[in-house]
Amino acid sequence: MKIIIAGDGKIGFSLTKQLAAEGHDLTVIDINPKVLDTVQNNFDIMVVCGNCATMDTLQAANIEQADLLIAVSDKDEINLLCCMTAHSINPNLHSIARVRDPEYTNQAYLMCDLMGLSMVVNPERSAAQEISRLLKYPGFLKRDTFVGGRVEIVELKVSAKSPMNGVKIMKLSGVIGCKVLICAIVRAGKCIIPSGMDSLMEGDRVFLTAPSNVLQTLLKNLGVVTKKVRSCLIIGGGRISYYLARNLVSAGIRVKIIEQNHDKCVSLASLLPGVTVVEGDASTQSMLSSEGMELFDSVVSLTGLDELNAMLAMYCSGSVNNIVTKIDRIESTGVLDVLPLGSVIHPKELASNEIVRYVRAMQNQSGAAVTVHSIADSMAEASEFAVTAATRNLGVPLKDIRLKDHVLVACIAHGPTVEIPDGDSVISEGDTVIVVTDGSRVIGQLNDIFE
């Protein structure tokens, strides 16, 4: 497809990387020529320098021939105007706008048709929803849901004392007392799609698939002590903090926000009457101590600096069980794996997942993924597909089907019944299938997994 990406910031660059790898014809618009030089040196794409909200710039990018416009500049107003202008030139165009400001978000959703919007993406609100889920159900580093919440892929870290340490995957269910499937392992910064003969090792970050109703049993059998989060200290007063605090207060969780900027404190205090807002520098030990950091059930570090977020997470991890750390710019490496950062949230990854799912649905009008989640630091992908009459190999046991390399059928849902598959499992029309792949291939529709 011919896709125009307007704005080459963190999300724009991430989308360019992923969509270029999937073979789309890309044009990137940005007002900064240095940014365009960088992206053009890295990818085989066209670039246009200019204001993406003007007709001249959009026409220079051949908006008339485009299938999709993704407006992800750093200004909501520019993104909305860009989509409206583009739609006036090409009425058949699909358009996606990033809208971050709480004042615009609901308005944008309600006025999608008028503004020519096919989809609205809010990375901060998506990040806040992800953090809320992690805090409401603590015990895992990451949780991605499928099949209407009945199946999850969760992330755990293997410690020296973990019952999983040193165990072969084929024997794991007997050790932990419930049936799960290990679908990916991150070890020393690399992703492994394992076989039953692989063993788990101390320091591994393990991504496993299980029905949602067995997750508490899994934690109990692993000796992971969890308790409901009743209080949360948020460090940093940006948009994610606003959305997160609102979610947590509505769930009955006590929230305190520490923010250094006076104007932000005043704004948050007026917008969030049920939240305690403290003006101060949370990077100092005295401030954290004076605000009773160790008395909170959870700490979420959401400043604008990745390095500061990591430092605060490491400091708080000695006193608080549930830690969440926002990382925007630092690439996931083996170095991050060994740091006690708790759950790591990547807002740009969450937004990119939403947009990529839409792109694939456009490309594959039938059989496209219902849900797409990047896992294992974006080195693997988990996709949910509905099985139709057009799906190949219906009723054939998995052991008799040739799958492409680095493809794993992680779960099959037969109506209300969720199955962790083995070689004798079969796929039938009406089922839902979760597939995990490494970064070497794109699965646009379910039939793509078969040789």
Protein backbone atom coordinates (compact mmCIF):
# COMPACT_ATOMS: atom_id res chain seq x y z
CA MET A 1 0.00 0.00 0.00
CA LYS A 2 1.02 3.62 -0.45
CA ILE A 3 1.24 5.15 3.03
CA ILE A 4 2.14 8.71 4.04
CA ILE A 5 3.53 9.26 7.55
CA ALA A 6 3.27 12.89 8.65
CA GLY A 7 5.70 13.57 11.50
CA ASP A 8 8.90 11.64 12.10
CA GLY A 9 9.23 11.69 15.87
CA LYS A 10 9.50 8.58 18.06
CA ILE A 11 6.27 7.00 16.82
CA GLY A 12 6.78 8.12 13.24
CA PHE A 13 10.25 6.59 13.11
CA SER A 14 9.04 3.36 14.74
CA LEU A 15 6.21 3.07 12.20
CA THR A 16 8.55 3.82 9.31
CA LYS A 17 10.87 1.04 10.43
CA GLN A 18 8.10 -1.52 10.80
CA LEU A 19 6.02 -0.64 7.73
CA ALA A 20 9.08 -0.36 5.47
CA ALA A 21 10.08 -3.87 6.59
CA GLU A 22 6.61 -5.08 5.60
CA GLY A 23 7.12 -3.80 2.05
CA HIS A 24 4.82 -0.77 1.96
CA ASP A 25 5.47 2.23 -0.31
CA LEU A 26 6.22 4.96 2.24
CA THR A 27 6.51 8.75 2.06
CA VAL A 28 7.51 10.62 5.21
CA ILE A 29 6.68 14.30 5.76
CA ASP A 30 8.45 16.42 8.36
CA ILE A 31 9.29 20.10 8.73
CA ASN A 32 12.86 19.34 9.89
CA PRO A 33 15.24 18.48 7.01
CA LYS A 34 17.81 16.91 9.37
CA VAL A 35 15.22 14.44 10.61
CA LEU A 36 14.35 13.53 7.02
CA ASP A 37 18.02 13.02 6.14
CA THR A 38 18.30 10.52 8.99
CA VAL A 39 15.22 8.52 8.04
CA GLN A 40 16.12 8.52 4.33
CA ASN A 41 19.61 7.22 5.12
CA ASN A 42 18.10 4.33 7.06
CA PHE A 43 15.21 3.31 4.80
CA ASP A 44 14.33 3.16 1.11
CA ILE A 45 11.53 5.73 1.21
CA MET A 46 10.47 9.09 -0.23
CA VAL A 47 10.59 12.22 1.93
CA VAL A 48 8.92 15.63 1.70
CA CYS A 49 10.03 18.62 3.79
CA GLY A 50 7.21 20.94 4.81
CA ASN A 51 4.13 21.57 6.92
CA CYS A 52 1.99 18.43 6.63
CA ALA A 53 -1.24 20.40 7.20
CA THR A 54 -0.90 22.42 3.97
CA MET A 55 -2.30 21.38 0.59
CA ASP A 56 1.00 22.10 -1.18
CA THR A 57 2.97 19.75 1.05
CA LEU A 58 0.35 16.97 0.90
CA GLN A 59 0.16 17.24 -2.88
CA ALA A 60 3.96 17.09 -3.08
CA ALA A 61 3.66 13.78 -1.20
CA ASN A 62 1.12 12.56 -3.81
CA ILE A 63 -1.77 12.44 -1.38
CA GLU A 64 -4.14 11.82 -4.34
CA GLN A 65 -2.61 8.36 -4.87
CA ALA A 66 -2.21 7.43 -1.18
CA ASP A 67 -4.20 4.68 0.52
CA LEU A 68 -3.48 5.76 4.10
CA LEU A 69 -2.29 8.86 5.95
CA ILE A 70 -0.83 8.53 9.46
CA ALA A 71 -0.52 11.93 11.15
CA VAL A 72 1.76 11.64 14.18
CA SER A 73 3.42 15.05 14.49
CA ASP A 74 3.98 16.47 17.97
CA LYS A 75 0.98 18.85 17.71
CA ASP A 76 -2.61 17.58 17.91
CA GLU A 77 -3.97 20.55 15.96
CA ILE A 78 -1.58 19.90 13.07
CA ASN A 79 -2.52 16.21 12.99
CA LEU A 80 -6.25 16.96 12.89
CA LEU A 81 -5.90 19.68 10.26
CA CYS A 82 -3.60 17.43 8.22
CA CYS A 83 -6.24 14.67 8.10
CA MET A 84 -9.06 17.10 7.28
CA THR A 85 -7.05 18.72 4.47
CA ALA A 86 -5.93 15.38 3.06
CA HIS A 87 -9.49 14.04 3.11
CA SER A 88 -10.70 17.08 1.16
CA ILE A 89 -8.17 16.23 -1.58
CA ASN A 90 -8.65 12.45 -1.51
CA PRO A 91 -12.10 11.49 -0.12
CA ASN A 92 -11.26 7.76 -0.34
CA LEU A 93 -8.21 8.12 1.90
CA HIS A 94 -7.97 6.29 5.22
CA SER A 95 -6.46 8.53 7.90
CA ILE A 96 -5.14 8.03 11.44
CA ALA A 97 -4.35 10.91 13.80
CA ARG A 98 -2.42 10.93 17.03
CA VAL A 99 -4.33 13.07 19.52
CA ARG A 100 -2.75 13.40 22.96
CA ASP A 101 -4.38 16.36 24.71
CA PRO A 102 -7.25 15.33 27.03
CA GLU A 103 -9.18 18.40 25.85
CA TYR A 104 -9.22 17.13 22.26
CA THR A 105 -9.43 13.37 22.67
CA ASN A 106 -13.17 12.92 23.24
CA GLN A 107 -13.94 15.61 20.68
CA ALA A 108 -11.82 13.84 18.06
CA TYR A 109 -13.58 10.53 18.68
CA LEU A 110 -17.02 12.15 18.40
CA MET A 111 -16.14 14.11 15.24
CA CYS A 112 -14.30 11.39 13.30
CA ASP A 113 -16.54 11.65 10.23
CA LEU A 114 -16.40 15.44 10.10
CA MET A 115 -12.61 15.45 10.42
CA GLY A 116 -12.10 12.62 7.97
CA LEU A 117 -10.59 10.32 10.62
CA SER A 118 -10.58 6.55 10.32
CA MET A 119 -8.87 6.09 13.69
CA VAL A 120 -7.65 8.16 16.65
CA VAL A 121 -4.56 7.05 18.59
CA ASN A 122 -3.66 8.36 22.03
CA PRO A 123 -0.33 6.82 23.19
CA GLU A 124 -0.55 8.36 26.65
CA ARG A 125 -4.02 7.05 27.34
CA SER A 126 -3.06 3.59 26.01
CA ALA A 127 0.00 3.59 28.29
CA ALA A 128 -2.13 4.61 31.27
CA GLN A 129 -4.59 1.79 30.59
CA GLU A 130 -1.72 -0.72 30.39
CA ILE A 131 -0.24 0.51 33.68
CA SER A 132 -3.66 0.41 35.35
CA ARG A 133 -4.09 -3.24 34.40
CA LEU A 134 -0.66 -4.12 35.76
CA LEU A 135 -1.37 -2.40 39.09
CA LYS A 136 -4.85 -3.80 39.49
CA TYR A 137 -3.52 -7.36 38.96
CA PRO A 138 0.08 -7.33 40.22
CA GLY A 139 2.54 -10.18 39.91
CA PHE A 140 3.56 -10.00 36.25
CA LEU A 141 5.93 -7.66 34.45
CA LYS A 142 3.62 -7.41 31.44
CA ARG A 143 0.18 -8.65 30.47
CA ASP A 144 -1.33 -8.76 26.97
CA THR A 145 -4.92 -9.96 26.60
CA PHE A 146 -6.58 -11.94 23.82
CA VAL A 147 -9.95 -13.58 23.09
CA GLY A 148 -11.90 -10.93 24.97
CA GLY A 149 -9.69 -11.17 28.05
CA ARG A 150 -9.94 -14.97 28.42
CA VAL A 151 -6.34 -15.62 27.34
CA GLU A 152 -3.19 -13.72 28.26
CA ILE A 153 0.48 -13.67 27.40
CA VAL A 154 2.30 -12.65 30.56
CA GLU A 155 5.93 -11.87 31.31
CA LEU A 156 7.87 -13.27 34.28
CA LYS A 157 11.53 -13.11 35.23
CA VAL A 158 13.27 -16.30 36.32
CA SER A 159 15.12 -15.74 39.60
CA ALA A 160 17.73 -17.99 41.18
CA LYS A 161 15.11 -19.33 43.62
CA SER A 162 12.30 -19.70 41.08
CA PRO A 163 10.87 -23.22 40.64
CA MET A 164 11.30 -22.61 36.89
CA ASN A 165 15.08 -22.16 37.09
CA GLY A 166 16.87 -24.98 35.27
CA VAL A 167 13.67 -26.76 34.23
CA LYS A 168 13.18 -28.09 30.69
CA ILE A 169 10.12 -26.55 29.06
CA MET A 170 8.62 -29.96 28.28
CA LYS A 171 8.54 -30.67 32.05
CA LEU A 172 7.41 -27.22 33.19
CA SER A 173 3.69 -27.93 33.61
CA GLY A 174 4.47 -30.70 36.10
CA VAL A 175 6.70 -28.35 38.12
CA ILE A 176 4.29 -25.40 38.30
CA GLY A 177 1.10 -27.44 38.62
CA CYS A 178 -0.80 -25.94 35.70
CA LYS A 179 -0.68 -26.06 31.92
CA VAL A 180 0.97 -23.09 30.21
CA LEU A 181 2.98 -22.61 27.02
CA ILE A 182 6.31 -20.76 26.90
CA CYS A 183 6.11 -18.81 23.64
CA ALA A 184 9.23 -16.63 23.89
CA ILE A 185 12.32 -16.12 26.03
CA VAL A 186 14.50 -13.02 26.19
CA ARG A 187 18.04 -13.99 27.19
CA ALA A 188 21.01 -11.60 27.07
CA GLY A 189 19.08 -9.20 24.86
CA LYS A 190 18.10 -11.86 22.30
CA CYS A 191 14.72 -13.48 21.65
CA ILE A 192 14.31 -17.26 21.51
CA ILE A 193 11.20 -19.05 20.23
CA PRO A 194 11.83 -22.20 22.33
CA SER A 195 11.26 -25.89 21.85
CA GLY A 196 10.35 -28.38 24.55
CA MET A 197 14.01 -29.35 24.96
CA ASP A 198 15.12 -25.84 25.94
CA SER A 199 15.73 -25.15 29.63
CA LEU A 200 14.94 -21.96 31.52
CA MET A 201 17.82 -20.10 33.15
CA GLU A 202 18.24 -17.52 35.88
CA GLY A 203 17.76 -14.04 34.43
CA ASP A 204 15.51 -15.18 31.58
CA ARG A 205 12.47 -13.06 30.84
CA VAL A 206 9.80 -15.59 29.98
CA PHE A 207 6.63 -14.91 27.99
CA LEU A 208 4.00 -17.57 28.57
CA THR A 209 0.46 -18.14 27.34
CA ALA A 210 -2.29 -19.24 29.72
CA PRO A 211 -6.03 -18.92 30.23
CA SER A 212 -6.71 -15.92 32.45
CA ASN A 213 -8.39 -18.07 35.10
CA VAL A 214 -5.18 -20.02 35.84
CA LEU A 215 -2.87 -17.04 36.33
CA GLN A 216 -3.45 -16.73 40.07
CA THR A 217 -2.76 -20.46 40.44
CA LEU A 218 0.46 -19.96 38.48
CA LEU A 219 1.64 -17.15 40.76
CA LYS A 220 0.74 -19.13 43.89
CA ASN A 221 2.62 -22.23 42.70
CA LEU A 222 5.64 -20.10 41.79
CA GLY A 223 5.67 -18.64 45.30
CA VAL A 224 5.00 -15.10 44.04
CA VAL A 225 3.25 -13.22 46.85
CA THR A 226 0.80 -10.64 45.54
CA LYS A 227 -1.63 -8.32 47.24
CA LYS A 228 -4.08 -5.82 45.89
CA VAL A 229 -2.58 -2.39 45.22
CA ARG A 230 -4.30 0.22 47.38
CA SER A 231 -1.95 3.18 46.92
CA CYS A 232 0.27 4.52 44.15
CA LEU A 233 2.99 7.16 44.00
CA ILE A 234 3.34 8.66 40.51
CA ILE A 235 6.56 10.53 39.74
CA GLY A 236 6.10 13.06 36.95
CA GLY A 237 2.99 15.02 36.01
CA GLY A 238 2.59 14.58 32.27
CA ARG A 239 -0.38 13.36 30.24
CA ILE A 240 0.13 9.69 31.15
CA SER A 241 0.06 10.66 34.83
CA TYR A 242 -3.24 12.46 34.35
CA TYR A 243 -4.92 9.53 32.59
CA LEU A 244 -3.42 7.01 35.01
CA ALA A 245 -4.42 8.90 38.15
CA ARG A 246 -7.96 9.23 36.85
CA ASN A 247 -8.15 5.48 36.19
CA LEU A 248 -6.70 4.52 39.56
CA VAL A 249 -8.90 6.86 41.60
CA SER A 250 -11.99 5.43 39.89
CA ALA A 251 -10.76 1.97 41.00
CA GLY A 252 -10.51 3.10 44.63
CA ILE A 253 -6.69 3.41 44.71
CA ARG A 254 -5.12 6.29 46.64
CA VAL A 255 -2.84 8.38 44.39
CA LYS A 256 -0.12 10.95 45.01
CA ILE A 257 1.73 12.75 42.17
CA ILE A 258 5.12 14.46 42.57
CA GLU A 259 5.85 17.05 39.85
CA GLN A 260 8.54 19.73 39.68
CA ASN A 261 6.76 22.20 37.39
CA HIS A 262 4.48 24.61 39.27
CA ASP A 263 2.00 25.19 36.43
CA LYS A 264 1.57 21.45 35.87
CA CYS A 265 0.90 20.97 39.58
CA VAL A 266 -1.81 23.62 39.56
CA SER A 267 -3.42 22.12 36.46
CA LEU A 268 -3.34 18.54 37.81
CA ALA A 269 -4.74 19.62 41.18
CA SER A 270 -7.71 21.28 39.46
CA LEU A 271 -8.33 18.39 37.06
CA LEU A 272 -7.89 15.63 39.68
CA PRO A 273 -9.62 16.72 42.91
CA GLY A 274 -9.25 13.23 44.43
CA VAL A 275 -5.47 13.18 44.00
CA THR A 276 -2.72 14.63 46.21
CA VAL A 277 -0.35 16.71 44.04
CA VAL A 278 3.03 17.67 45.50
CA GLU A 279 5.38 20.22 43.92
CA GLY A 280 8.99 19.06 44.26
CA ASP A 281 12.00 17.32 42.77
CA ALA A 282 11.50 13.57 43.10
CA SER A 283 15.09 12.86 42.04
CA THR A 284 16.21 13.77 45.58
CA GLN A 285 16.17 11.17 48.34
CA SER A 286 14.84 13.70 50.84
CA MET A 287 11.75 14.41 48.74
CA LEU A 288 10.90 10.73 48.30
CA SER A 289 11.45 10.05 51.98
CA SER A 290 9.40 13.06 53.12
CA GLU A 291 6.48 11.96 50.93
CA GLY A 292 6.53 8.45 52.41
CA MET A 293 7.64 6.56 49.32
CA GLU A 294 8.13 3.30 51.24
CA LEU A 295 4.51 3.44 52.49
CA PHE A 296 3.05 3.06 48.98
CA ASP A 297 2.11 -0.27 47.41
CA SER A 298 3.35 0.87 44.00
CA VAL A 299 5.57 3.51 42.37
CA VAL A 300 5.22 4.56 38.73
CA SER A 301 8.05 6.61 37.22
CA LEU A 302 6.73 8.78 34.37
CA THR A 303 9.15 11.69 33.98
CA GLY A 304 10.26 12.82 30.54
CA LEU A 305 13.76 11.37 30.99
CA ASP A 306 14.33 7.64 30.55
CA GLU A 307 17.53 7.74 32.58
CA LEU A 308 15.78 9.42 35.52
CA ASN A 309 12.89 6.96 35.34
CA ALA A 310 15.33 4.05 35.46
CA MET A 311 17.27 5.57 38.36
CA LEU A 312 14.10 6.24 40.37
CA ALA A 313 12.81 2.71 39.71
CA MET A 314 16.06 1.16 40.94
CA TYR A 315 16.04 3.30 44.07
CA CYS A 316 12.39 2.57 44.90
CA SER A 317 12.66 -1.16 44.15
CA GLY A 318 14.36 -1.74 47.50
CA SER A 319 11.28 -0.55 49.41
CA VAL A 320 8.27 -1.03 47.10
CA ASN A 321 7.13 -4.31 45.52
CA ASN A 322 5.29 -2.99 42.46
CA ILE A 323 7.39 -0.77 40.19
CA VAL A 324 6.45 0.51 36.72
CA THR A 325 8.98 2.38 34.57
CA LYS A 326 8.30 4.36 31.39
CA ILE A 327 10.99 4.06 28.72
CA ASP A 328 10.60 6.11 25.53
CA ARG A 329 13.96 6.48 23.85
CA ILE A 330 16.37 3.88 25.21
CA GLU A 331 16.37 0.79 23.01
CA SER A 332 15.70 -2.51 24.76
CA THR A 333 19.00 -4.29 25.38
CA GLY A 334 20.43 -6.94 27.64
CA VAL A 335 21.57 -4.13 29.97
CA LEU A 336 17.96 -3.20 30.80
CA ASP A 337 17.15 -6.85 31.51
CA VAL A 338 19.41 -6.97 34.56
CA LEU A 339 18.15 -3.72 36.11
CA PRO A 340 15.35 -3.83 38.71
CA LEU A 341 12.94 -1.66 36.70
CA GLY A 342 9.80 -3.70 37.39
CA SER A 343 7.30 -3.49 34.53
CA VAL A 344 8.64 -1.43 31.62
CA ILE A 345 6.12 0.48 29.50
CA HIS A 346 6.90 1.74 25.97
CA PRO A 347 4.14 4.19 24.89
CA LYS A 348 5.41 4.40 21.30
CA GLU A 349 5.23 0.59 21.03
CA LEU A 350 1.63 0.53 22.23
CA ALA A 351 0.61 3.18 19.70
CA SER A 352 2.51 1.50 16.88
CA ASN A 353 0.76 -1.81 17.60
CA GLU A 354 -2.65 -0.17 17.18
CA ILE A 355 -1.69 1.45 13.90
CA VAL A 356 0.01 -1.64 12.46
CA ARG A 357 -3.08 -3.72 13.22
CA TYR A 358 -5.19 -1.22 11.25
CA VAL A 359 -2.74 -1.28 8.32
CA ARG A 360 -2.84 -5.07 8.14
CA ALA A 361 -6.62 -5.08 8.32
CA MET A 362 -6.68 -2.71 5.33
CA GLN A 363 -4.27 -4.93 3.43
CA ASN A 364 -6.12 -8.17 4.26
CA GLN A 365 -9.79 -7.28 4.06
CA SER A 366 -10.72 -10.75 5.35
CA GLY A 367 -8.74 -12.86 7.78
CA ALA A 368 -6.67 -10.02 9.25
CA ALA A 369 -5.49 -10.18 12.84
CA VAL A 370 -8.06 -9.19 15.44
CA THR A 371 -5.35 -8.27 17.96
CA VAL A 372 -1.62 -7.65 17.57
CA HIS A 373 0.85 -7.28 20.47
CA SER A 374 4.61 -6.83 20.29
CA ILE A 375 6.31 -8.93 22.96
CA ALA A 376 9.89 -9.66 23.99
CA ASP A 377 11.05 -6.06 23.43
CA SER A 378 9.45 -6.02 19.96
CA MET A 379 11.57 -8.99 18.88
CA ALA A 380 8.46 -11.17 18.65
CA GLU A 381 4.80 -10.65 17.85
CA ALA A 382 1.61 -12.27 19.11
CA SER A 383 -1.45 -12.10 16.87
CA GLU A 384 -5.05 -13.27 17.33
CA PHE A 385 -6.95 -14.63 14.32
CA ALA A 386 -10.50 -15.84 13.75
CA VAL A 387 -10.65 -19.20 11.96
CA THR A 388 -12.95 -19.19 8.92
CA ALA A 389 -13.98 -21.71 6.28
CA ALA A 390 -11.14 -20.35 4.11
CA THR A 391 -8.50 -21.34 6.67
CA ARG A 392 -6.30 -24.21 5.50
CA ASN A 393 -5.70 -27.46 7.43
CA LEU A 394 -9.02 -27.46 9.31
CA GLY A 395 -9.39 -30.59 11.43
CA VAL A 396 -5.77 -31.65 10.90
CA PRO A 397 -3.71 -32.37 14.06
CA LEU A 398 -0.97 -29.79 14.56
CA LYS A 399 1.68 -32.53 14.54
CA ASP A 400 0.74 -33.27 10.92
CA ILE A 401 0.86 -29.63 9.76
CA ARG A 402 4.02 -28.01 8.41
CA LEU A 403 4.32 -24.54 9.91
CA LYS A 404 6.80 -21.95 8.73
CA ASP A 405 9.99 -21.54 10.74
CA HIS A 406 9.80 -19.53 13.97
CA VAL A 407 6.00 -19.78 14.11
CA LEU A 408 4.25 -21.10 17.23
CA VAL A 409 0.54 -21.79 17.75
CA ALA A 410 0.25 -20.59 21.33
CA CYS A 411 -3.44 -21.06 22.07
CA ILE A 412 -6.72 -22.23 20.51
CA ALA A 413 -10.09 -21.06 21.81
CA HIS A 414 -13.01 -23.33 20.87
CA GLY A 415 -15.93 -21.10 21.82
CA PRO A 416 -15.86 -20.82 25.64
CA THR A 417 -13.14 -23.49 25.96
CA VAL A 418 -9.52 -22.34 25.95
CA GLU A 419 -6.86 -24.90 25.00
CA ILE A 420 -3.09 -24.76 25.36
CA PRO A 421 -2.36 -26.87 22.27
CA ASP A 422 -0.23 -29.96 21.80
CA GLY A 423 0.47 -32.11 18.74
CA ASP A 424 -3.00 -33.67 18.78
CA SER A 425 -4.86 -30.34 18.85
CA VAL A 426 -6.88 -29.32 15.79
CA ILE A 427 -8.19 -26.02 14.45
CA SER A 428 -11.86 -25.78 13.44
CA GLU A 429 -14.01 -23.13 11.80
CA GLY A 430 -15.22 -20.63 14.41
CA ASP A 431 -12.14 -21.06 16.63
CA THR A 432 -9.81 -18.26 17.67
CA VAL A 433 -6.06 -18.89 17.33
CA ILE A 434 -3.14 -17.03 18.89
CA VAL A 435 0.08 -17.20 16.92
CA VAL A 436 3.56 -16.07 18.04
CA THR A 437 6.34 -15.31 15.56
CA ASP A 438 9.80 -13.82 15.78
CA GLY A 439 10.75 -10.63 13.94
CA SER A 440 11.84 -12.42 10.76
CA ARG A 441 8.37 -12.61 9.18
CA VAL A 442 5.03 -10.82 9.08
CA ILE A 443 1.80 -12.80 9.50
CA GLY A 444 -0.91 -10.81 7.77
CA GLN A 445 -3.54 -13.56 7.93
CA LEU A 446 -3.79 -16.99 9.50
CA ASN A 447 -2.97 -18.92 6.32
CA ASP A 448 0.44 -17.21 6.26
CA ILE A 449 1.67 -19.52 9.06
CA PHE A 450 1.47 -22.65 6.89
CA GLU A 451 4.19 -23.88 4.54
